[in-house]
PDB file of N, CA and C in Angstrom:
ATOM      1  N   LEU A   1       8.726  -9.084  -6.255  1.00  0.00           N
ATOM      2  CA  LEU A   1       8.989  -8.709  -7.629  1.00  0.00           C
ATOM      3  C   LEU A   1       7.986  -7.644  -8.089  1.00  0.00           C
ATOM      4  N   ALA A   2       6.720  -7.837  -7.723  1.00  0.00           N
ATOM      5  CA  ALA A   2       5.700  -6.863  -8.100  1.00  0.00           C
ATOM      6  C   ALA A   2       5.927  -5.530  -7.401  1.00  0.00           C
ATOM      7  N   ALA A   3       6.392  -5.578  -6.156  1.00  0.00           N
ATOM      8  CA  ALA A   3       6.659  -4.335  -5.425  1.00  0.00           C
ATOM      9  C   ALA A   3       7.814  -3.578  -6.071  1.00  0.00           C
ATOM     10  N   LEU A   4       8.826  -4.278  -6.544  1.00  0.00           N
ATOM     11  CA  LEU A   4       9.941  -3.611  -7.228  1.00  0.00           C
ATOM     12  C   LEU A   4       9.494  -2.981  -8.540  1.00  0.00           C
ATOM     13  N   GLU A   5       8.645  -3.688  -9.264  1.00  0.00           N
ATOM     14  CA  GLU A   5       8.121  -3.150 -10.523  1.00  0.00           C
ATOM     15  C   GLU A   5       7.281  -1.905 -10.265  1.00  0.00           C
ATOM     16  N   ARG A   6       6.443  -1.963  -9.244  1.00  0.00           N
ATOM     17  CA  ARG A   6       5.616  -0.805  -8.896  1.00  0.00           C
ATOM     18  C   ARG A   6       6.488   0.365  -8.448  1.00  0.00           C
ATOM     19  N   GLN A   7       7.587   0.051  -7.761  1.00  0.00           N
ATOM     20  CA  GLN A   7       8.517   1.078  -7.301  1.00  0.00           C
ATOM     21  C   GLN A   7       9.072   1.862  -8.491  1.00  0.00           C
ATOM     22  N   ILE A   8       9.439   1.183  -9.535  1.00  0.00           N
ATOM     23  CA  ILE A   8      10.005   1.830 -10.718  1.00  0.00           C
ATOM     24  C   ILE A   8       8.985   2.768 -11.342  1.00  0.00           C
ATOM     25  N   PHE A   9       7.732   2.320 -11.483  1.00  0.00           N
ATOM     26  CA  PHE A   9       6.711   3.173 -12.081  1.00  0.00           C
ATOM     27  C   PHE A   9       6.357   4.363 -11.190  1.00  0.00           C
ATOM     28  N   ASP A  10       6.404   4.179  -9.870  1.00  0.00           N
ATOM     29  CA  ASP A  10       6.112   5.284  -8.964  1.00  0.00           C
ATOM     30  C   ASP A  10       7.192   6.356  -9.019  1.00  0.00           C
ATOM     31  N   PHE A  11       8.433   5.961  -9.299  1.00  0.00           N
ATOM     32  CA  PHE A  11       9.506   6.949  -9.421  1.00  0.00           C
ATOM     33  C   PHE A  11       9.273   7.879 -10.615  1.00  0.00           C
ATOM     34  N   LEU A  12       8.516   7.420 -11.603  1.00  0.00           N
ATOM     35  CA  LEU A  12       8.260   8.234 -12.784  1.00  0.00           C
ATOM     36  C   LEU A  12       7.260   9.359 -12.509  1.00  0.00           C
ATOM     37  N   GLY A  13       6.486   9.247 -11.440  1.00  0.00           N
ATOM     38  CA  GLY A  13       5.469  10.247 -11.133  1.00  0.00           C
ATOM     39  C   GLY A  13       5.793  11.015  -9.870  1.00  0.00           C
ATOM     40  N   PHE A  14       4.772  11.615  -9.310  1.00  0.00           N
ATOM     41  CA  PHE A  14       4.928  12.440  -8.120  1.00  0.00           C
ATOM     42  C   PHE A  14       4.353  11.752  -6.883  1.00  0.00           C
ATOM     43  N   GLN A  15       4.288  10.443  -6.887  1.00  0.00           N
ATOM     44  CA  GLN A  15       3.671   9.703  -5.797  1.00  0.00           C
ATOM     45  C   GLN A  15       4.736   9.227  -4.811  1.00  0.00           C
ATOM     46  N   TRP A  16       5.171  10.115  -3.951  1.00  0.00           N
ATOM     47  CA  TRP A  16       6.252   9.765  -3.038  1.00  0.00           C
ATOM     48  C   TRP A  16       5.789   8.913  -1.871  1.00  0.00           C
ATOM     49  N   ALA A  17       4.551   9.038  -1.434  1.00  0.00           N
ATOM     50  CA  ALA A  17       4.049   8.195  -0.343  1.00  0.00           C
ATOM     51  C   ALA A  17       4.010   6.722  -0.758  1.00  0.00           C
ATOM     52  N   PRO A  18       3.517   6.389  -1.957  1.00  0.00           N
ATOM     53  CA  PRO A  18       3.585   4.985  -2.370  1.00  0.00           C
ATOM     54  C   PRO A  18       5.011   4.467  -2.506  1.00  0.00           C
ATOM     55  N   ILE A  19       5.939   5.335  -2.892  1.00  0.00           N
ATOM     56  CA  ILE A  19       7.335   4.916  -2.997  1.00  0.00           C
ATOM     57  C   ILE A  19       7.858   4.504  -1.630  1.00  0.00           C
ATOM     58  N   LEU A  20       7.569   5.303  -0.614  1.00  0.00           N
ATOM     59  CA  LEU A  20       8.000   4.956   0.739  1.00  0.00           C
ATOM     60  C   LEU A  20       7.302   3.694   1.243  1.00  0.00           C
ATOM     61  N   GLY A  21       6.023   3.548   0.915  1.00  0.00           N
ATOM     62  CA  GLY A  21       5.294   2.341   1.300  1.00  0.00           C
ATOM     63  C   GLY A  21       5.863   1.096   0.639  1.00  0.00           C
ATOM     64  N   ASN A  22       6.188   1.210  -0.642  1.00  0.00           N
ATOM     65  CA  ASN A  22       6.785   0.077  -1.357  1.00  0.00           C
ATOM     66  C   ASN A  22       8.162  -0.263  -0.798  1.00  0.00           C
ATOM     67  N   PHE A  23       8.933   0.752  -0.459  1.00  0.00           N
ATOM     68  CA  PHE A  23      10.251   0.513   0.121  1.00  0.00           C
ATOM     69  C   PHE A  23      10.112  -0.234   1.445  1.00  0.00           C
ATOM     70  N   LEU A  24       9.153   0.199   2.264  1.00  0.00           N
ATOM     71  CA  LEU A  24       8.899  -0.484   3.529  1.00  0.00           C
ATOM     72  C   LEU A  24       8.440  -1.915   3.290  1.00  0.00           C
ATOM     73  N   GLN A  25       7.615  -2.115   2.268  1.00  0.00           N
ATOM     74  CA  GLN A  25       7.152  -3.461   1.912  1.00  0.00           C
ATOM     75  C   GLN A  25       8.333  -4.359   1.545  1.00  0.00           C
ATOM     76  N   ILE A  26       9.250  -3.857   0.762  1.00  0.00           N
ATOM     77  CA  ILE A  26      10.422  -4.638   0.357  1.00  0.00           C
ATOM     78  C   ILE A  26      11.269  -5.006   1.571  1.00  0.00           C
ATOM     79  N   ILE A  27      11.493  -4.046   2.461  1.00  0.00           N
ATOM     80  CA  ILE A  27      12.288  -4.310   3.663  1.00  0.00           C
ATOM     81  C   ILE A  27      11.619  -5.369   4.539  1.00  0.00           C
ATOM     82  N   VAL A  28      10.310  -5.266   4.736  1.00  0.00           N
ATOM     83  CA  VAL A  28       9.599  -6.220   5.588  1.00  0.00           C
ATOM     84  C   VAL A  28       9.598  -7.614   4.960  1.00  0.00           C
ATOM     85  N   VAL A  29       9.490  -7.691   3.636  1.00  0.00           N
ATOM     86  CA  VAL A  29       9.550  -8.997   2.973  1.00  0.00           C
ATOM     87  C   VAL A  29      10.922  -9.634   3.176  1.00  0.00           C
ATOM     88  N   ILE A  30      11.979  -8.842   3.065  1.00  0.00           N
ATOM     89  CA  ILE A  30      13.323  -9.364   3.298  1.00  0.00           C
ATOM     90  C   ILE A  30      13.461  -9.849   4.738  1.00  0.00           C
ATOM     91  N   LEU A  31      12.966  -9.061   5.699  1.00  0.00           N
ATOM     92  CA  LEU A  31      13.001  -9.488   7.103  1.00  0.00           C
ATOM     93  C   LEU A  31      12.166 -10.750   7.321  1.00  0.00           C
ATOM     94  N   GLY A  32      11.029 -10.839   6.652  1.00  0.00           N
ATOM     95  CA  GLY A  32      10.188 -12.028   6.775  1.00  0.00           C
ATOM     96  C   GLY A  32      10.878 -13.272   6.239  1.00  0.00           C
ATOM     97  N   LEU A  33      11.541 -13.129   5.091  1.00  0.00           N
ATOM     98  CA  LEU A  33      12.287 -14.262   4.544  1.00  0.00           C
ATOM     99  C   LEU A  33      13.439 -14.654   5.463  1.00  0.00           C
ATOM    100  N   PHE A  34      14.151 -13.665   5.960  1.00  0.00           N
ATOM    101  CA  PHE A  34      15.248 -13.923   6.888  1.00  0.00           C
ATOM    102  C   PHE A  34      14.731 -14.596   8.155  1.00  0.00           C
ATOM    103  N   GLY A  35      13.611 -14.114   8.674  1.00  0.00           N
ATOM    104  CA  GLY A  35      13.030 -14.700   9.876  1.00  0.00           C
ATOM    105  C   GLY A  35      12.566 -16.125   9.666  1.00  0.00           C
ATOM    106  N   THR A  36      12.080 -16.426   8.459  1.00  0.00           N
ATOM    107  CA  THR A  36      11.641 -17.781   8.158  1.00  0.00           C
ATOM    108  C   THR A  36      12.836 -18.725   8.054  1.00  0.00           C
ATOM    109  N   ILE A  37      13.876 -18.263   7.373  1.00  0.00           N
ATOM    110  CA  ILE A  37      15.061 -19.108   7.204  1.00  0.00           C
ATOM    111  C   ILE A  37      15.767 -19.325   8.538  1.00  0.00           C
ATOM    112  N   GLN A  38      15.932 -18.276   9.329  1.00  0.00           N
ATOM    113  CA  GLN A  38      16.633 -18.364  10.605  1.00  0.00           C
ATOM    114  C   GLN A  38      15.715 -18.761  11.762  1.00  0.00           C
ATOM    115  N   PHE A  39      14.421 -18.892  11.487  1.00  0.00           N
ATOM    116  CA  PHE A  39      13.384 -19.161  12.482  1.00  0.00           C
ATOM    117  C   PHE A  39      13.475 -18.172  13.640  1.00  0.00           C
ATOM    118  N   ARG A  40      13.255 -16.921  13.305  1.00  0.00           N
ATOM    119  CA  ARG A  40      13.176 -15.858  14.309  1.00  0.00           C
ATOM    120  C   ARG A  40      11.699 -15.468  14.431  1.00  0.00           C
ATOM    121  N   PRO A  41      11.040 -15.896  15.502  1.00  0.00           N
ATOM    122  CA  PRO A  41       9.592 -15.667  15.639  1.00  0.00           C
ATOM    123  C   PRO A  41       9.186 -14.195  15.581  1.00  0.00           C
ATOM    124  N   ARG A  42       9.999 -13.297  16.109  1.00  0.00           N
ATOM    125  CA  ARG A  42       9.644 -11.877  16.098  1.00  0.00           C
ATOM    126  C   ARG A  42       9.550 -11.359  14.666  1.00  0.00           C
ATOM    127  N   TYR A  43      10.489 -11.734  13.793  1.00  0.00           N
ATOM    128  CA  TYR A  43      10.465 -11.302  12.396  1.00  0.00           C
ATOM    129  C   TYR A  43       9.262 -11.882  11.670  1.00  0.00           C
ATOM    130  N   ILE A  44       8.934 -13.137  12.003  1.00  0.00           N
ATOM    131  CA  ILE A  44       7.788 -13.776  11.360  1.00  0.00           C
ATOM    132  C   ILE A  44       6.491 -13.082  11.773  1.00  0.00           C
ATOM    133  N   VAL A  45       6.370 -12.689  13.032  1.00  0.00           N
ATOM    134  CA  VAL A  45       5.174 -11.978  13.505  1.00  0.00           C
ATOM    135  C   VAL A  45       5.065 -10.613  12.840  1.00  0.00           C
ATOM    136  N   VAL A  46       6.180  -9.890  12.761  1.00  0.00           N
ATOM    137  CA  VAL A  46       6.170  -8.579  12.103  1.00  0.00           C
ATOM    138  C   VAL A  46       5.767  -8.725  10.648  1.00  0.00           C
ATOM    139  N   TYR A  47       6.302  -9.723   9.973  1.00  0.00           N
ATOM    140  CA  TYR A  47       5.958  -9.959   8.569  1.00  0.00           C
ATOM    141  C   TYR A  47       4.480 -10.299   8.414  1.00  0.00           C
ATOM    142  N   THR A  48       3.956 -11.139   9.305  1.00  0.00           N
ATOM    143  CA  THR A  48       2.547 -11.523   9.217  1.00  0.00           C
ATOM    144  C   THR A  48       1.620 -10.336   9.440  1.00  0.00           C
ATOM    145  N   VAL A  49       1.911  -9.529  10.454  1.00  0.00           N
ATOM    146  CA  VAL A  49       1.083  -8.350  10.736  1.00  0.00           C
ATOM    147  C   VAL A  49       1.161  -7.352   9.587  1.00  0.00           C
ATOM    148  N   TRP A  50       2.377  -7.100   9.084  1.00  0.00           N
ATOM    149  CA  TRP A  50       2.546  -6.149   7.985  1.00  0.00           C
ATOM    150  C   TRP A  50       1.816  -6.632   6.735  1.00  0.00           C
ATOM    151  N   THR A  51       1.905  -7.929   6.438  1.00  0.00           N
ATOM    152  CA  THR A  51       1.237  -8.463   5.256  1.00  0.00           C
ATOM    153  C   THR A  51      -0.278  -8.305   5.374  1.00  0.00           C
ATOM    154  N   ALA A  52      -0.822  -8.539   6.560  1.00  0.00           N
ATOM    155  CA  ALA A  52      -2.266  -8.354   6.761  1.00  0.00           C
ATOM    156  C   ALA A  52      -2.656  -6.895   6.541  1.00  0.00           C
ATOM    157  N   LEU A  53      -1.870  -5.964   7.079  1.00  0.00           N
ATOM    158  CA  LEU A  53      -2.148  -4.538   6.867  1.00  0.00           C
ATOM    159  C   LEU A  53      -2.008  -4.157   5.398  1.00  0.00           C
ATOM    160  N   TRP A  54      -0.992  -4.668   4.736  1.00  0.00           N
ATOM    161  CA  TRP A  54      -0.735  -4.336   3.329  1.00  0.00           C
ATOM    162  C   TRP A  54      -1.871  -4.838   2.436  1.00  0.00           C
ATOM    163  N   VAL A  55      -2.336  -6.060   2.680  1.00  0.00           N
ATOM    164  CA  VAL A  55      -3.439  -6.617   1.893  1.00  0.00           C
ATOM    165  C   VAL A  55      -4.718  -5.832   2.154  1.00  0.00           C
ATOM    166  N   THR A  56      -4.965  -5.484   3.421  1.00  0.00           N
ATOM    167  CA  THR A  56      -6.152  -4.695   3.766  1.00  0.00           C
ATOM    168  C   THR A  56      -6.130  -3.344   3.061  1.00  0.00           C
ATOM    169  N   TRP A  57      -4.989  -2.672   3.056  1.00  0.00           N
ATOM    170  CA  TRP A  57      -4.864  -1.376   2.398  1.00  0.00           C
ATOM    171  C   TRP A  57      -5.108  -1.511   0.896  1.00  0.00           C
ATOM    172  N   ASN A  58      -4.539  -2.524   0.272  1.00  0.00           N
ATOM    173  CA  ASN A  58      -4.719  -2.716  -1.169  1.00  0.00           C
ATOM    174  C   ASN A  58      -6.164  -3.039  -1.524  1.00  0.00           C
ATOM    175  N   VAL A  59      -6.840  -3.830  -0.686  1.00  0.00           N
ATOM    176  CA  VAL A  59      -8.258  -4.119  -0.920  1.00  0.00           C
ATOM    177  C   VAL A  59      -9.076  -2.835  -0.798  1.00  0.00           C
ATOM    178  N   PHE A  60      -8.756  -1.989   0.192  1.00  0.00           N
ATOM    179  CA  PHE A  60      -9.452  -0.710   0.334  1.00  0.00           C
ATOM    180  C   PHE A  60      -9.256   0.161  -0.908  1.00  0.00           C
ATOM    181  N   ILE A  61      -8.038   0.254  -1.402  1.00  0.00           N
ATOM    182  CA  ILE A  61      -7.764   1.073  -2.592  1.00  0.00           C
ATOM    183  C   ILE A  61      -8.526   0.540  -3.794  1.00  0.00           C
ATOM    184  N   ILE A  62      -8.560  -0.777  -3.966  1.00  0.00           N
ATOM    185  CA  ILE A  62      -9.304  -1.367  -5.082  1.00  0.00           C
ATOM    186  C   ILE A  62     -10.787  -1.047  -4.956  1.00  0.00           C
ATOM    187  N   CYS A  63     -11.351  -1.209  -3.766  1.00  0.00           N
ATOM    188  CA  CYS A  63     -12.773  -0.896  -3.552  1.00  0.00           C
ATOM    189  C   CYS A  63     -13.046   0.589  -3.755  1.00  0.00           C
ATOM    190  N   PHE A  64     -12.103   1.443  -3.368  1.00  0.00           N
ATOM    191  CA  PHE A  64     -12.270   2.881  -3.535  1.00  0.00           C
ATOM    192  C   PHE A  64     -12.326   3.256  -5.015  1.00  0.00           C
ATOM    193  N   TYR A  65     -11.412   2.717  -5.816  1.00  0.00           N
ATOM    194  CA  TYR A  65     -11.404   3.039  -7.239  1.00  0.00           C
ATOM    195  C   TYR A  65     -12.581   2.430  -7.989  1.00  0.00           C
ATOM    196  N   LEU A  66     -13.077   1.292  -7.509  1.00  0.00           N
ATOM    197  CA  LEU A  66     -14.254   0.684  -8.141  1.00  0.00           C
ATOM    198  C   LEU A  66     -15.556   1.237  -7.572  1.00  0.00           C
ATOM    199  N   GLU A  67     -15.450   2.117  -6.587  1.00  0.00           N
ATOM    200  CA  GLU A  67     -16.591   2.748  -5.926  1.00  0.00           C
ATOM    201  C   GLU A  67     -17.570   1.713  -5.377  1.00  0.00           C
ATOM    202  N   VAL A  68     -17.030   0.746  -4.645  1.00  0.00           N
ATOM    203  CA  VAL A  68     -17.831  -0.306  -4.025  1.00  0.00           C
ATOM    204  C   VAL A  68     -18.479   0.249  -2.758  1.00  0.00           C
ATOM    205  N   GLY A  69     -19.736  -0.071  -2.544  1.00  0.00           N
ATOM    206  CA  GLY A  69     -20.438   0.382  -1.345  1.00  0.00           C
ATOM    207  C   GLY A  69     -20.614   1.896  -1.348  1.00  0.00           C
ATOM    208  N   GLY A  70     -20.299   2.525  -0.222  1.00  0.00           N
ATOM    209  CA  GLY A  70     -20.463   3.968  -0.096  1.00  0.00           C
ATOM    210  C   GLY A  70     -19.229   4.757  -0.492  1.00  0.00           C
ATOM    211  N   LEU A  71     -18.188   4.085  -0.949  1.00  0.00           N
ATOM    212  CA  LEU A  71     -16.959   4.784  -1.333  1.00  0.00           C
ATOM    213  C   LEU A  71     -17.159   5.485  -2.667  1.00  0.00           C
ATOM    214  N   SER A  72     -16.702   6.713  -2.749  1.00  0.00           N
ATOM    215  CA  SER A  72     -16.827   7.472  -3.982  1.00  0.00           C
ATOM    216  C   SER A  72     -15.631   8.390  -4.137  1.00  0.00           C
ATOM    217  N   LYS A  73     -15.138   8.496  -5.373  1.00  0.00           N
ATOM    218  CA  LYS A  73     -14.007   9.378  -5.648  1.00  0.00           C
ATOM    219  C   LYS A  73     -14.441  10.840  -5.738  1.00  0.00           C
ATOM    220  N   ILE A  74     -15.712  11.064  -5.962  1.00  0.00           N
ATOM    221  CA  ILE A  74     -16.225  12.429  -6.103  1.00  0.00           C
ATOM    222  C   ILE A  74     -16.858  12.849  -4.776  1.00  0.00           C
ATOM    223  N   THR A  75     -16.317  13.905  -4.192  1.00  0.00           N
ATOM    224  CA  THR A  75     -16.860  14.421  -2.940  1.00  0.00           C
ATOM    225  C   THR A  75     -17.184  15.894  -3.111  1.00  0.00           C
ATOM    226  N   ARG A  76     -17.865  16.459  -2.151  1.00  0.00           N
ATOM    227  CA  ARG A  76     -18.211  17.879  -2.214  1.00  0.00           C
ATOM    228  C   ARG A  76     -16.968  18.755  -2.132  1.00  0.00           C
ATOM    229  N   VAL A  77     -15.900  18.232  -1.526  1.00  0.00           N
ATOM    230  CA  VAL A  77     -14.670  19.000  -1.410  1.00  0.00           C
ATOM    231  C   VAL A  77     -14.049  19.214  -2.791  1.00  0.00           C
ATOM    232  N   LEU A  78     -14.191  18.213  -3.655  1.00  0.00           N
ATOM    233  CA  LEU A  78     -13.597  18.296  -4.982  1.00  0.00           C
ATOM    234  C   LEU A  78     -14.419  19.124  -5.968  1.00  0.00           C
ATOM    235  N   ILE A  79     -15.706  19.317  -5.687  1.00  0.00           N
ATOM    236  CA  ILE A  79     -16.585  20.047  -6.587  1.00  0.00           C
ATOM    237  C   ILE A  79     -16.475  21.532  -6.284  1.00  0.00           C
ATOM    238  N   LYS A  80     -16.180  22.302  -7.300  1.00  0.00           N
ATOM    239  CA  LYS A  80     -16.045  23.744  -7.120  1.00  0.00           C
ATOM    240  C   LYS A  80     -17.422  24.389  -7.094  1.00  0.00           C
ATOM    241  N   ALA A  81     -17.664  25.165  -6.068  1.00  0.00           N
ATOM    242  CA  ALA A  81     -18.965  25.824  -5.915  1.00  0.00           C
ATOM    243  C   ALA A  81     -19.070  26.978  -6.933  1.00  0.00           C
ATOM    244  N   PRO A  82     -20.249  27.163  -7.515  1.00  0.00           N
ATOM    245  CA  PRO A  82     -20.419  28.265  -8.467  1.00  0.00           C
ATOM    246  C   PRO A  82     -20.361  29.620  -7.746  1.00  0.00           C
ATOM    247  N   ARG A  83     -19.805  30.603  -8.431  1.00  0.00           N
ATOM    248  CA  ARG A  83     -19.728  31.952  -7.864  1.00  0.00           C
ATOM    249  C   ARG A  83     -21.041  32.686  -8.093  1.00  0.00           C
ATOM    250  N   LYS A  84     -21.367  33.540  -7.128  1.00  0.00           N
ATOM    251  CA  LYS A  84     -22.619  34.319  -7.230  1.00  0.00           C
ATOM    252  C   LYS A  84     -22.334  35.697  -7.713  1.00  0.00           C
TER     253      LYS A  84
END
């Protein structure tokens, strides 16, 4: 449900990579539910691995925006050098 809600808000902007990621998340969740109901071990393994990757990515993004540890949104690439 949260992925669908996020999908709608991402369509309003220019963030096409998150839209594709959310779409993949929705598909994998459906496969995971199907695999659980039908007891298909391959689908359950794919769902488990994808969920671990998805949670890891979201934790990284949260830490990046909160600037935890050495992560910083401001880099030398983003700073415009003064002209001489």
